[in-house]
C-alpha atoms as a PDB file:
ATOM      1  CA  MET A   1      51.512 -62.067 -88.893  1.00  0.00           C
ATOM      2  CA  PRO A   2      53.479 -61.286 -85.076  1.00  0.00           C
ATOM      3  CA  VAL A   3      53.564 -57.582 -84.437  1.00  0.00           C
ATOM      4  CA  SER A   4      56.940 -56.065 -83.470  1.00  0.00           C
ATOM      5  CA  ILE A   5      56.730 -53.667 -80.625  1.00  0.00           C
ATOM      6  CA  LYS A   6      59.544 -51.133 -79.804  1.00  0.00           C
ATOM      7  CA  THR A   7      59.248 -49.003 -76.571  1.00  0.00           C
ATOM      8  CA  PHE A   8      60.970 -45.932 -76.359  1.00  0.00           C
ATOM      9  CA  THR A   9      61.061 -43.460 -73.338  1.00  0.00           C
ATOM     10  CA  SER A  10      62.507 -40.800 -75.265  1.00  0.00           C
ATOM     11  CA  GLY A  11      61.976 -41.159 -78.918  1.00  0.00           C
ATOM     12  CA  GLU A  12      62.365 -37.764 -80.664  1.00  0.00           C
ATOM     13  CA  LYS A  13      65.640 -38.388 -82.084  1.00  0.00           C
ATOM     14  CA  LEU A  14      64.210 -41.105 -83.453  1.00  0.00           C
ATOM     15  CA  LEU A  15      61.466 -39.728 -85.122  1.00  0.00           C
ATOM     16  CA  LYS A  16      63.803 -37.343 -86.379  1.00  0.00           C
ATOM     17  CA  GLU A  17      65.932 -39.440 -88.262  1.00  0.00           C
ATOM     18  CA  LYS A  18      63.199 -42.301 -89.248  1.00  0.00           C
ATOM     19  CA  LYS A  19      59.803 -42.529 -91.119  1.00  0.00           C
ATOM     20  CA  PHE A  20      57.399 -44.589 -89.344  1.00  0.00           C
ATOM     21  CA  ASP A  21      54.023 -45.040 -90.970  1.00  0.00           C
ATOM     22  CA  ILE A  22      52.162 -45.028 -87.640  1.00  0.00           C
ATOM     23  CA  VAL A  23      53.437 -43.524 -84.167  1.00  0.00           C
ATOM     24  CA  LEU A  24      50.755 -44.220 -80.950  1.00  0.00           C
ATOM     25  CA  LEU A  25      52.259 -40.906 -78.525  1.00  0.00           C
ATOM     26  CA  ASP A  26      51.422 -39.415 -75.433  1.00  0.00           C
ATOM     27  CA  LEU A  27      50.996 -35.421 -74.979  1.00  0.00           C
ATOM     28  CA  MET A  28      53.294 -35.565 -72.067  1.00  0.00           C
ATOM     29  CA  LEU A  29      57.106 -36.290 -72.782  1.00  0.00           C
ATOM     30  CA  PRO A  30      60.189 -35.958 -70.982  1.00  0.00           C
ATOM     31  CA  GLY A  31      61.761 -32.470 -72.657  1.00  0.00           C
ATOM     32  CA  ILE A  32      58.895 -31.924 -74.970  1.00  0.00           C
ATOM     33  CA  HIS A  33      55.173 -31.863 -75.935  1.00  0.00           C
ATOM     34  CA  GLY A  34      53.777 -34.694 -77.782  1.00  0.00           C
ATOM     35  CA  LEU A  35      51.971 -31.713 -79.726  1.00  0.00           C
ATOM     36  CA  GLU A  36      55.392 -30.535 -80.879  1.00  0.00           C
ATOM     37  CA  VAL A  37      56.516 -34.065 -81.766  1.00  0.00           C
ATOM     38  CA  ALA A  38      53.422 -34.209 -84.002  1.00  0.00           C
ATOM     39  CA  ARG A  39      54.045 -30.996 -85.712  1.00  0.00           C
ATOM     40  CA  GLN A  40      57.580 -32.137 -86.747  1.00  0.00           C
ATOM     41  CA  ILE A  41      56.379 -35.690 -88.051  1.00  0.00           C
ATOM     42  CA  SER A  42      53.027 -34.920 -89.164  1.00  0.00           C
ATOM     43  CA  ASP A  43      54.263 -34.998 -92.878  1.00  0.00           C
ATOM     44  CA  ARG A  44      55.341 -38.566 -92.650  1.00  0.00           C
ATOM     45  CA  SER A  45      53.441 -40.593 -89.988  1.00  0.00           C
ATOM     46  CA  ARG A  46      50.039 -40.901 -88.890  1.00  0.00           C
ATOM     47  CA  VAL A  47      49.553 -39.958 -85.227  1.00  0.00           C
ATOM     48  CA  ILE A  48      47.610 -41.626 -82.979  1.00  0.00           C
ATOM     49  CA  PHE A  49      47.485 -39.767 -79.002  1.00  0.00           C
ATOM     50  CA  ILE A  50      46.988 -41.822 -76.229  1.00  0.00           C
ATOM     51  CA  THR A  51      46.393 -39.678 -73.295  1.00  0.00           C
ATOM     52  CA  SER A  52      44.747 -38.968 -69.904  1.00  0.00           C
ATOM     53  CA  TYR A  53      44.602 -35.149 -71.152  1.00  0.00           C
ATOM     54  CA  ARG A  54      41.079 -34.580 -72.778  1.00  0.00           C
ATOM     55  CA  GLU A  55      41.370 -30.871 -73.318  1.00  0.00           C
ATOM     56  CA  HIS A  56      43.998 -31.278 -75.847  1.00  0.00           C
ATOM     57  CA  ALA A  57      41.881 -33.240 -78.516  1.00  0.00           C
ATOM     58  CA  VAL A  58      40.766 -30.165 -80.640  1.00  0.00           C
ATOM     59  CA  GLU A  59      44.923 -29.162 -80.870  1.00  0.00           C
ATOM     60  CA  ALA A  60      45.773 -32.873 -81.873  1.00  0.00           C
ATOM     61  CA  PHE A  61      43.527 -32.632 -85.099  1.00  0.00           C
ATOM     62  CA  ASP A  62      45.396 -29.363 -86.034  1.00  0.00           C
ATOM     63  CA  VAL A  63      48.549 -31.130 -86.315  1.00  0.00           C
ATOM     64  CA  ASN A  64      46.766 -33.805 -88.694  1.00  0.00           C
ATOM     65  CA  ALA A  65      46.183 -36.441 -85.446  1.00  0.00           C
ATOM     66  CA  VAL A  66      44.450 -39.439 -87.228  1.00  0.00           C
ATOM     67  CA  HIS A  67      42.873 -40.260 -83.756  1.00  0.00           C
ATOM     68  CA  TYR A  68      42.882 -39.208 -80.051  1.00  0.00           C
ATOM     69  CA  LEU A  69      41.907 -41.934 -77.067  1.00  0.00           C
ATOM     70  CA  VAL A  70      41.827 -40.784 -73.535  1.00  0.00           C
ATOM     71  CA  LYS A  71      42.981 -43.566 -71.150  1.00  0.00           C
ATOM     72  CA  PRO A  72      41.581 -45.916 -69.992  1.00  0.00           C
ATOM     73  CA  VAL A  73      41.523 -47.031 -74.105  1.00  0.00           C
ATOM     74  CA  THR A  74      39.790 -50.023 -74.616  1.00  0.00           C
ATOM     75  CA  GLU A  75      41.534 -52.736 -76.983  1.00  0.00           C
ATOM     76  CA  GLU A  76      38.564 -52.035 -79.215  1.00  0.00           C
ATOM     77  CA  ARG A  77      38.769 -48.634 -79.579  1.00  0.00           C
ATOM     78  CA  LEU A  78      42.587 -48.852 -80.247  1.00  0.00           C
ATOM     79  CA  PHE A  79      42.415 -51.563 -83.130  1.00  0.00           C
ATOM     80  CA  GLN A  80      39.434 -49.142 -84.717  1.00  0.00           C
ATOM     81  CA  ALA A  81      42.266 -46.349 -84.493  1.00  0.00           C
ATOM     82  CA  LEU A  82      44.802 -48.575 -85.897  1.00  0.00           C
ATOM     83  CA  ASP A  83      42.366 -49.450 -88.464  1.00  0.00           C
ATOM     84  CA  ARG A  84      41.768 -45.727 -89.558  1.00  0.00           C
ATOM     85  CA  ALA A  85      45.809 -45.074 -89.504  1.00  0.00           C
ATOM     86  CA  VAL A  86      46.265 -47.821 -91.629  1.00  0.00           C
ATOM     87  CA  ASN A  87      43.815 -47.183 -93.996  1.00  0.00           C
ATOM     88  CA  GLN A  88      45.073 -43.697 -94.600  1.00  0.00           C
ATOM     89  CA  THR A  89      48.741 -45.105 -95.171  1.00  0.00           C
ATOM     90  CA  GLU A  90      49.579 -45.980 -98.334  1.00  0.00           C
ATOM     91  CA  LYS A  91      52.100 -48.883 -97.561  1.00  0.00           C
ATOM     92  CA  VAL A  92      52.270 -50.418 -93.639  1.00  0.00           C
ATOM     93  CA  ASP A  93      54.805 -52.968 -92.580  1.00  0.00           C
ATOM     94  CA  ILE A  94      52.839 -53.968 -89.354  1.00  0.00           C
ATOM     95  CA  GLN A  95      55.509 -55.804 -88.267  1.00  0.00           C
ATOM     96  CA  ALA A  96      57.567 -52.074 -88.056  1.00  0.00           C
ATOM     97  CA  LEU A  97      54.751 -50.741 -86.017  1.00  0.00           C
ATOM     98  CA  THR A  98      56.665 -48.651 -83.340  1.00  0.00           C
ATOM     99  CA  ILE A  99      54.806 -47.319 -80.259  1.00  0.00           C
ATOM    100  CA  ILE A 100      56.419 -44.368 -78.261  1.00  0.00           C
ATOM    101  CA  LYS A 101      55.381 -44.247 -74.750  1.00  0.00           C
ATOM    102  CA  ASN A 102      56.169 -41.994 -72.107  1.00  0.00           C
ATOM    103  CA  GLU A 103      56.468 -44.905 -69.032  1.00  0.00           C
ATOM    104  CA  LYS A 104      56.082 -41.788 -66.662  1.00  0.00           C
ATOM    105  CA  HIS A 105      52.623 -41.592 -67.834  1.00  0.00           C
ATOM    106  CA  ARG A 106      51.239 -45.356 -68.052  1.00  0.00           C
END
């Protein structure tokens, strides 16, 4: 089944308006910290952090992150994290999988 990936440079407004099953999230976002975004959406979305910052891992799990991946991320680790998120989600429409990334911190 093909996966549809949508990329946003700033998804804060979108995350407030819609529910996503799984969100891949960086910590350093324009105008807001990724931990704050996770606090706002953790009751309705599974969050996987993908970031360059190791020092926020404990805080990420405090806001119910499913996984915390440190860049560079291998394909194997990414799929393990996605499998974990899918297993924690009752119903996932894989075609609606949305990745929110910060273009500035690729």
